[in-house]
Amino acid sequence: MQECLDLLASYRKELKSEILKKYPSVEKFCLANGYNKGTVGRILNGKRRTASLKTLHDLAAALDLKMEIVLKK
């Protein structure tokens, strides 16, 4: 379970970094892409531990990023 939480924390950090590279703020990103800033803020700040894969995929797609999930043995 800890690995999953670490993966989400890493994803949140990278996603926020990419947002701030392309937009002056998370709020501007949300306004430009039609997202609820409260929901996105909770996801990025770790206040919402779960986000659907579709939501994470959609956020990445709005930044022209591809989301990859890799299973390792």
N, C-alpha and C. Protein backbone atom coordinates (compact mmCIF):
# COMPACT_ATOMS: atom_id res chain seq x y z
N MET A 1 0.82 -1.20 0.00
CA MET A 1 0.00 0.00 0.00
C MET A 1 0.86 1.27 0.00
N GLN A 2 1.98 1.21 0.74
CA GLN A 2 2.86 2.38 0.81
C GLN A 2 3.42 2.72 -0.56
N GLU A 3 3.74 1.69 -1.35
CA GLU A 3 4.26 1.94 -2.70
C GLU A 3 3.25 2.70 -3.54
N CYS A 4 1.98 2.36 -3.38
CA CYS A 4 0.91 3.04 -4.12
C CYS A 4 0.83 4.51 -3.69
N LEU A 5 0.92 4.76 -2.41
CA LEU A 5 0.87 6.14 -1.91
C LEU A 5 2.09 6.93 -2.38
N ASP A 6 3.26 6.28 -2.41
CA ASP A 6 4.47 6.94 -2.90
C ASP A 6 4.32 7.28 -4.38
N LEU A 7 3.74 6.37 -5.15
CA LEU A 7 3.53 6.60 -6.57
C LEU A 7 2.59 7.79 -6.79
N LEU A 8 1.51 7.84 -6.01
CA LEU A 8 0.57 8.96 -6.12
C LEU A 8 1.23 10.28 -5.72
N ALA A 9 2.05 10.25 -4.69
CA ALA A 9 2.74 11.47 -4.25
C ALA A 9 3.69 11.96 -5.35
N SER A 10 4.39 11.04 -5.96
CA SER A 10 5.30 11.38 -7.05
C SER A 10 4.52 11.94 -8.24
N TYR A 11 3.40 11.32 -8.55
CA TYR A 11 2.57 11.76 -9.67
C TYR A 11 2.04 13.17 -9.39
N ARG A 12 1.55 13.42 -8.18
CA ARG A 12 1.02 14.74 -7.82
C ARG A 12 2.10 15.81 -7.97
N LYS A 13 3.30 15.51 -7.48
CA LYS A 13 4.40 16.47 -7.55
C LYS A 13 4.75 16.79 -9.00
N GLU A 14 4.85 15.77 -9.83
CA GLU A 14 5.19 15.97 -11.24
C GLU A 14 4.09 16.72 -11.97
N LEU A 15 2.84 16.36 -11.68
CA LEU A 15 1.71 17.01 -12.33
C LEU A 15 1.66 18.50 -11.98
N LYS A 16 1.85 18.82 -10.71
CA LYS A 16 1.84 20.22 -10.29
C LYS A 16 2.98 20.99 -10.94
N SER A 17 4.14 20.37 -11.02
CA SER A 17 5.29 21.00 -11.66
C SER A 17 5.00 21.31 -13.13
N GLU A 18 4.38 20.37 -13.83
CA GLU A 18 4.05 20.57 -15.24
C GLU A 18 2.99 21.66 -15.41
N ILE A 19 2.03 21.69 -14.51
CA ILE A 19 1.00 22.75 -14.57
C ILE A 19 1.66 24.11 -14.44
N LEU A 20 2.56 24.25 -13.47
CA LEU A 20 3.18 25.55 -13.21
C LEU A 20 4.21 25.94 -14.27
N LYS A 21 4.67 24.99 -15.07
CA LYS A 21 5.54 25.32 -16.21
C LYS A 21 4.74 25.98 -17.33
N LYS A 22 3.47 25.57 -17.45
CA LYS A 22 2.66 26.01 -18.58
C LYS A 22 1.64 27.09 -18.23
N TYR A 23 1.33 27.23 -16.96
CA TYR A 23 0.32 28.20 -16.51
C TYR A 23 0.87 28.97 -15.32
N PRO A 24 0.44 30.23 -15.14
CA PRO A 24 0.94 31.01 -14.01
C PRO A 24 0.46 30.48 -12.65
N SER A 25 -0.62 29.70 -12.65
CA SER A 25 -1.13 29.14 -11.39
C SER A 25 -2.00 27.92 -11.68
N VAL A 26 -2.25 27.14 -10.65
CA VAL A 26 -3.15 25.99 -10.78
C VAL A 26 -4.56 26.49 -11.11
N GLU A 27 -4.93 27.62 -10.52
CA GLU A 27 -6.26 28.18 -10.79
C GLU A 27 -6.42 28.51 -12.28
N LYS A 28 -5.40 29.10 -12.89
CA LYS A 28 -5.48 29.44 -14.33
C LYS A 28 -5.59 28.17 -15.17
N PHE A 29 -4.87 27.12 -14.77
CA PHE A 29 -4.96 25.83 -15.47
C PHE A 29 -6.39 25.31 -15.40
N CYS A 30 -6.98 25.36 -14.21
CA CYS A 30 -8.35 24.88 -14.03
C CYS A 30 -9.34 25.68 -14.87
N LEU A 31 -9.21 26.99 -14.85
CA LEU A 31 -10.10 27.84 -15.64
C LEU A 31 -9.97 27.57 -17.14
N ALA A 32 -8.74 27.40 -17.61
CA ALA A 32 -8.50 27.18 -19.03
C ALA A 32 -9.00 25.83 -19.51
N ASN A 33 -9.08 24.86 -18.59
CA ASN A 33 -9.42 23.49 -18.98
C ASN A 33 -10.75 22.99 -18.41
N GLY A 34 -11.46 23.86 -17.70
CA GLY A 34 -12.79 23.49 -17.21
C GLY A 34 -12.81 22.56 -16.02
N TYR A 35 -11.76 22.62 -15.18
CA TYR A 35 -11.72 21.77 -13.99
C TYR A 35 -12.12 22.57 -12.76
N ASN A 36 -12.66 21.88 -11.79
CA ASN A 36 -12.98 22.49 -10.51
C ASN A 36 -11.68 22.68 -9.74
N LYS A 37 -11.36 23.93 -9.39
CA LYS A 37 -10.06 24.19 -8.76
C LYS A 37 -9.95 23.56 -7.37
N GLY A 38 -11.06 23.41 -6.68
CA GLY A 38 -11.03 22.76 -5.37
C GLY A 38 -10.66 21.29 -5.48
N THR A 39 -11.25 20.61 -6.43
CA THR A 39 -10.96 19.19 -6.64
C THR A 39 -9.51 19.00 -7.06
N VAL A 40 -9.06 19.79 -8.03
CA VAL A 40 -7.67 19.67 -8.50
C VAL A 40 -6.71 20.02 -7.37
N GLY A 41 -7.02 21.05 -6.61
CA GLY A 41 -6.18 21.43 -5.48
C GLY A 41 -6.05 20.32 -4.45
N ARG A 42 -7.17 19.66 -4.14
CA ARG A 42 -7.13 18.56 -3.18
C ARG A 42 -6.30 17.39 -3.71
N ILE A 43 -6.43 17.11 -5.00
CA ILE A 43 -5.64 16.03 -5.59
C ILE A 43 -4.15 16.38 -5.52
N LEU A 44 -3.79 17.58 -5.94
CA LEU A 44 -2.38 17.98 -5.98
C LEU A 44 -1.76 18.11 -4.59
N ASN A 45 -2.54 18.49 -3.60
CA ASN A 45 -2.02 18.68 -2.25
C ASN A 45 -2.13 17.44 -1.38
N GLY A 46 -2.61 16.34 -1.94
CA GLY A 46 -2.69 15.09 -1.20
C GLY A 46 -3.82 15.02 -0.21
N LYS A 47 -4.76 15.97 -0.26
CA LYS A 47 -5.89 15.95 0.67
C LYS A 47 -6.93 14.93 0.21
N ARG A 48 -6.82 14.57 -1.04
CA ARG A 48 -7.72 13.55 -1.59
C ARG A 48 -6.82 12.41 -2.04
N ARG A 49 -6.80 11.35 -1.26
CA ARG A 49 -5.86 10.25 -1.53
C ARG A 49 -6.20 9.48 -2.79
N THR A 50 -7.45 9.48 -3.16
CA THR A 50 -7.82 8.72 -4.34
C THR A 50 -8.37 9.66 -5.40
N ALA A 51 -7.99 9.39 -6.60
CA ALA A 51 -8.54 10.08 -7.76
C ALA A 51 -8.68 9.00 -8.82
N SER A 52 -9.75 9.04 -9.55
CA SER A 52 -9.94 7.99 -10.55
C SER A 52 -8.84 8.08 -11.61
N LEU A 53 -8.53 6.95 -12.19
CA LEU A 53 -7.53 6.94 -13.25
C LEU A 53 -7.95 7.84 -14.40
N LYS A 54 -9.25 7.91 -14.65
CA LYS A 54 -9.75 8.77 -15.73
C LYS A 54 -9.43 10.24 -15.41
N THR A 55 -9.65 10.65 -14.18
CA THR A 55 -9.35 12.03 -13.78
C THR A 55 -7.87 12.32 -13.94
N LEU A 56 -7.02 11.41 -13.47
CA LEU A 56 -5.58 11.61 -13.59
C LEU A 56 -5.17 11.65 -15.06
N HIS A 57 -5.75 10.76 -15.86
CA HIS A 57 -5.47 10.74 -17.30
C HIS A 57 -5.90 12.05 -17.94
N ASP A 58 -7.09 12.54 -17.60
CA ASP A 58 -7.60 13.79 -18.18
C ASP A 58 -6.72 14.98 -17.81
N LEU A 59 -6.26 15.03 -16.57
CA LEU A 59 -5.38 16.13 -16.15
C LEU A 59 -4.07 16.08 -16.94
N ALA A 60 -3.51 14.90 -17.09
CA ALA A 60 -2.27 14.75 -17.87
C ALA A 60 -2.50 15.14 -19.33
N ALA A 61 -3.61 14.70 -19.89
CA ALA A 61 -3.92 14.99 -21.30
C ALA A 61 -4.07 16.50 -21.53
N ALA A 62 -4.61 17.21 -20.55
CA ALA A 62 -4.77 18.66 -20.67
C ALA A 62 -3.41 19.36 -20.76
N LEU A 63 -2.37 18.68 -20.29
CA LEU A 63 -1.01 19.21 -20.34
C LEU A 63 -0.21 18.59 -21.49
N ASP A 64 -0.90 17.88 -22.37
CA ASP A 64 -0.25 17.17 -23.48
C ASP A 64 0.77 16.15 -22.99
N LEU A 65 0.43 15.48 -21.88
CA LEU A 65 1.28 14.43 -21.33
C LEU A 65 0.56 13.09 -21.46
N LYS A 66 1.32 12.03 -21.54
CA LYS A 66 0.75 10.69 -21.55
C LYS A 66 0.93 10.09 -20.17
N MET A 67 -0.09 9.41 -19.69
CA MET A 67 0.00 8.75 -18.40
C MET A 67 0.28 7.28 -18.64
N GLU A 68 1.26 6.74 -17.94
CA GLU A 68 1.63 5.35 -18.08
C GLU A 68 1.54 4.67 -16.74
N ILE A 69 0.99 3.48 -16.75
CA ILE A 69 0.97 2.66 -15.54
C ILE A 69 1.74 1.40 -15.89
N VAL A 70 2.77 1.12 -15.13
CA VAL A 70 3.62 -0.02 -15.42
C VAL A 70 3.57 -0.99 -14.24
N LEU A 71 3.33 -2.24 -14.55
CA LEU A 71 3.38 -3.29 -13.54
C LEU A 71 4.75 -3.95 -13.63
N LYS A 72 5.39 -4.13 -12.51
CA LYS A 72 6.72 -4.75 -12.49
C LYS A 72 6.69 -5.97 -11.61
N LYS A 73 7.55 -6.87 -11.93
CA LYS A 73 7.67 -8.09 -11.14
C LYS A 73 8.96 -8.07 -10.38
